[in-house]
Structures are given as structure tokens and as C-alpha cells.
Amino acid sequence: MHSDDTIEAMAAIFKALGDPTRLRMLLTLLAEGEQPVNVLAEKVDLSVSAVSHQLRLLRHLRIVQAERQGRSVIYALDDEHICGLLRQALEHQQH
């Protein structure tokens, strides 16, 4: 049996992945690799502020990671597990 903490953490990940805005951002990172906030905002047609807010949540859940490069913060998918979840969801939808 899995602990309540594990179940709650998993539910939070699926909830985050279930939001169309966040999913659009994550699929952009999957397809195009790491991106600075302003470029990601332009690609998903949202304000930098809105994208930053969503990225903060995704970073807290360890779905994305951030790396400072000079004045910019570059975001990427956290690891291959997240990439795999997104790829499997895409494959399932296209099947």
C-alpha cells in the first residue's frame, strides 16, 4: 500500500498536467528543449507574468527545472520521467 503523502504528491502532478495552459508549456519544452521565460511566453501566447506564475508551480512539483544564465532563467523539463509521461500521453491521444 502507498502512503497518503505519495498519493497526494502524485495527484498534484496529475492535476498540474491536467491544465491546458501548463500542458501547452510543457509540450513546448518537450518539443523544443529548454527555453527562457520570455521565449516560452511568446510561443504559448501568454504574458511573461502568467508563464512565470505557472512555472513556479511546475518547479515546486519538480516537473520543470530552472537554471540562471546571466540575467535570464532557462526552464527545461525536470527529467526523463516527466518527458516519458508527456510522450505516453501524446501516444495515447494519437492512438
C-alpha atoms as a PDB file:
ATOM      1  CA  MET A   1       0.000   0.000   0.000  1.00  0.00           C
ATOM      2  CA  HIS A   2       1.218   3.520  -0.788  1.00  0.00           C
ATOM      3  CA  SER A   3       1.333   6.254   1.805  1.00  0.00           C
ATOM      4  CA  ASP A   4      -1.110   9.133   1.785  1.00  0.00           C
ATOM      5  CA  ASP A   5       1.810  11.506   1.110  1.00  0.00           C
ATOM      6  CA  THR A   6       2.738   9.563  -2.031  1.00  0.00           C
ATOM      7  CA  ILE A   7      -0.861   9.566  -3.273  1.00  0.00           C
ATOM      8  CA  GLU A   8      -1.218  13.309  -2.595  1.00  0.00           C
ATOM      9  CA  ALA A   9       2.052  14.093  -4.399  1.00  0.00           C
ATOM     10  CA  MET A  10       1.020  12.019  -7.412  1.00  0.00           C
ATOM     11  CA  ALA A  11      -2.407  13.681  -7.525  1.00  0.00           C
ATOM     12  CA  ALA A  12      -0.726  17.106  -7.517  1.00  0.00           C
ATOM     13  CA  ILE A  13       1.406  16.109 -10.507  1.00  0.00           C
ATOM     14  CA  PHE A  14      -1.586  14.852 -12.477  1.00  0.00           C
ATOM     15  CA  LYS A  15      -3.569  17.968 -11.552  1.00  0.00           C
ATOM     16  CA  ALA A  16      -0.729  20.153 -12.845  1.00  0.00           C
ATOM     17  CA  LEU A  17      -0.522  18.128 -16.054  1.00  0.00           C
ATOM     18  CA  GLY A  18      -4.300  18.409 -16.486  1.00  0.00           C
ATOM     19  CA  ASP A  19      -4.280  22.168 -17.006  1.00  0.00           C
ATOM     20  CA  PRO A  20      -4.288  23.097 -20.736  1.00  0.00           C
ATOM     21  CA  THR A  21      -2.068  26.158 -20.253  1.00  0.00           C
ATOM     22  CA  ARG A  22       0.573  24.270 -18.308  1.00  0.00           C
ATOM     23  CA  LEU A  23       0.343  21.323 -20.687  1.00  0.00           C
ATOM     24  CA  ARG A  24       0.920  23.625 -23.680  1.00  0.00           C
ATOM     25  CA  MET A  25       4.019  24.993 -21.951  1.00  0.00           C
ATOM     26  CA  LEU A  26       5.322  21.528 -21.103  1.00  0.00           C
ATOM     27  CA  LEU A  27       4.746  20.204 -24.611  1.00  0.00           C
ATOM     28  CA  THR A  28       6.671  23.192 -25.976  1.00  0.00           C
ATOM     29  CA  LEU A  29       9.587  22.348 -23.671  1.00  0.00           C
ATOM     30  CA  LEU A  30       9.353  18.699 -24.731  1.00  0.00           C
ATOM     31  CA  ALA A  31       9.415  19.540 -28.438  1.00  0.00           C
ATOM     32  CA  GLU A  32      11.869  22.432 -28.426  1.00  0.00           C
ATOM     33  CA  GLY A  33      14.013  21.916 -25.333  1.00  0.00           C
ATOM     34  CA  GLU A  34      14.968  24.473 -22.732  1.00  0.00           C
ATOM     35  CA  GLN A  35      13.592  27.979 -23.087  1.00  0.00           C
ATOM     36  CA  PRO A  36      13.880  31.327 -21.312  1.00  0.00           C
ATOM     37  CA  VAL A  37      10.610  32.587 -19.844  1.00  0.00           C
ATOM     38  CA  ASN A  38      10.105  35.359 -22.408  1.00  0.00           C
ATOM     39  CA  VAL A  39      10.546  32.992 -25.374  1.00  0.00           C
ATOM     40  CA  LEU A  40       8.260  30.380 -23.820  1.00  0.00           C
ATOM     41  CA  ALA A  41       5.641  33.070 -23.145  1.00  0.00           C
ATOM     42  CA  GLU A  42       5.756  34.159 -26.782  1.00  0.00           C
ATOM     43  CA  LYS A  43       5.438  30.580 -28.049  1.00  0.00           C
ATOM     44  CA  VAL A  44       2.378  29.821 -25.918  1.00  0.00           C
ATOM     45  CA  ASP A  45       0.889  33.301 -26.455  1.00  0.00           C
ATOM     46  CA  LEU A  46       0.766  34.307 -22.788  1.00  0.00           C
ATOM     47  CA  SER A  47       2.263  37.124 -20.750  1.00  0.00           C
ATOM     48  CA  VAL A  48       5.643  36.610 -19.131  1.00  0.00           C
ATOM     49  CA  SER A  49       3.949  37.102 -15.759  1.00  0.00           C
ATOM     50  CA  ALA A  50       1.390  34.333 -16.422  1.00  0.00           C
ATOM     51  CA  VAL A  51       4.083  31.924 -17.642  1.00  0.00           C
ATOM     52  CA  SER A  52       6.302  32.721 -14.661  1.00  0.00           C
ATOM     53  CA  HIS A  53       3.422  32.000 -12.288  1.00  0.00           C
ATOM     54  CA  GLN A  54       2.776  28.609 -13.902  1.00  0.00           C
ATOM     55  CA  LEU A  55       6.478  27.747 -13.993  1.00  0.00           C
ATOM     56  CA  ARG A  56       6.770  28.465 -10.273  1.00  0.00           C
ATOM     57  CA  LEU A  57       4.125  25.812  -9.575  1.00  0.00           C
ATOM     58  CA  LEU A  58       5.703  23.347 -12.008  1.00  0.00           C
ATOM     59  CA  ARG A  59       9.112  23.890 -10.426  1.00  0.00           C
ATOM     60  CA  HIS A  60       7.686  23.300  -6.945  1.00  0.00           C
ATOM     61  CA  LEU A  61       6.296  19.950  -8.175  1.00  0.00           C
ATOM     62  CA  ARG A  62       9.673  19.085  -9.785  1.00  0.00           C
ATOM     63  CA  ILE A  63       8.115  18.955 -13.249  1.00  0.00           C
ATOM     64  CA  VAL A  64      10.452  21.639 -14.594  1.00  0.00           C
ATOM     65  CA  GLN A  65      13.857  22.841 -13.511  1.00  0.00           C
ATOM     66  CA  ALA A  66      15.322  26.324 -13.723  1.00  0.00           C
ATOM     67  CA  GLU A  67      18.872  27.437 -14.360  1.00  0.00           C
ATOM     68  CA  ARG A  68      20.045  31.021 -14.195  1.00  0.00           C
ATOM     69  CA  GLN A  69      22.178  32.104 -17.148  1.00  0.00           C
ATOM     70  CA  GLY A  70      23.197  35.695 -16.650  1.00  0.00           C
ATOM     71  CA  ARG A  71      20.023  37.741 -16.329  1.00  0.00           C
ATOM     72  CA  SER A  72      17.821  35.023 -17.809  1.00  0.00           C
ATOM     73  CA  VAL A  73      16.278  31.990 -16.189  1.00  0.00           C
ATOM     74  CA  ILE A  74      16.147  28.999 -18.518  1.00  0.00           C
ATOM     75  CA  TYR A  75      13.494  26.336 -17.962  1.00  0.00           C
ATOM     76  CA  ALA A  76      13.538  22.710 -19.020  1.00  0.00           C
ATOM     77  CA  LEU A  77      11.622  19.564 -18.183  1.00  0.00           C
ATOM     78  CA  ASP A  78      12.991  18.198 -14.924  1.00  0.00           C
ATOM     79  CA  ASP A  79      13.945  14.693 -16.036  1.00  0.00           C
ATOM     80  CA  GLU A  80      13.238  11.790 -18.356  1.00  0.00           C
ATOM     81  CA  HIS A  81      10.330  10.615 -16.180  1.00  0.00           C
ATOM     82  CA  ILE A  82       8.394  13.781 -16.996  1.00  0.00           C
ATOM     83  CA  CYS A  83       9.347  13.523 -20.671  1.00  0.00           C
ATOM     84  CA  GLY A  84       8.095   9.932 -20.656  1.00  0.00           C
ATOM     85  CA  LEU A  85       4.753  10.888 -19.096  1.00  0.00           C
ATOM     86  CA  LEU A  86       4.196  13.555 -21.734  1.00  0.00           C
ATOM     87  CA  ARG A  87       5.238  11.269 -24.598  1.00  0.00           C
ATOM     88  CA  GLN A  88       2.976   8.476 -23.372  1.00  0.00           C
ATOM     89  CA  ALA A  89       0.027  10.855 -23.087  1.00  0.00           C
ATOM     90  CA  LEU A  90       0.659  12.055 -26.647  1.00  0.00           C
ATOM     91  CA  GLU A  91       0.917   8.492 -27.940  1.00  0.00           C
ATOM     92  CA  HIS A  92      -2.262   7.517 -26.127  1.00  0.00           C
ATOM     93  CA  GLN A  93      -4.147  10.502 -27.573  1.00  0.00           C
ATOM     94  CA  GLN A  94      -2.921   9.782 -31.108  1.00  0.00           C
ATOM     95  CA  HIS A  95      -3.692   6.057 -30.908  1.00  0.00           C
END
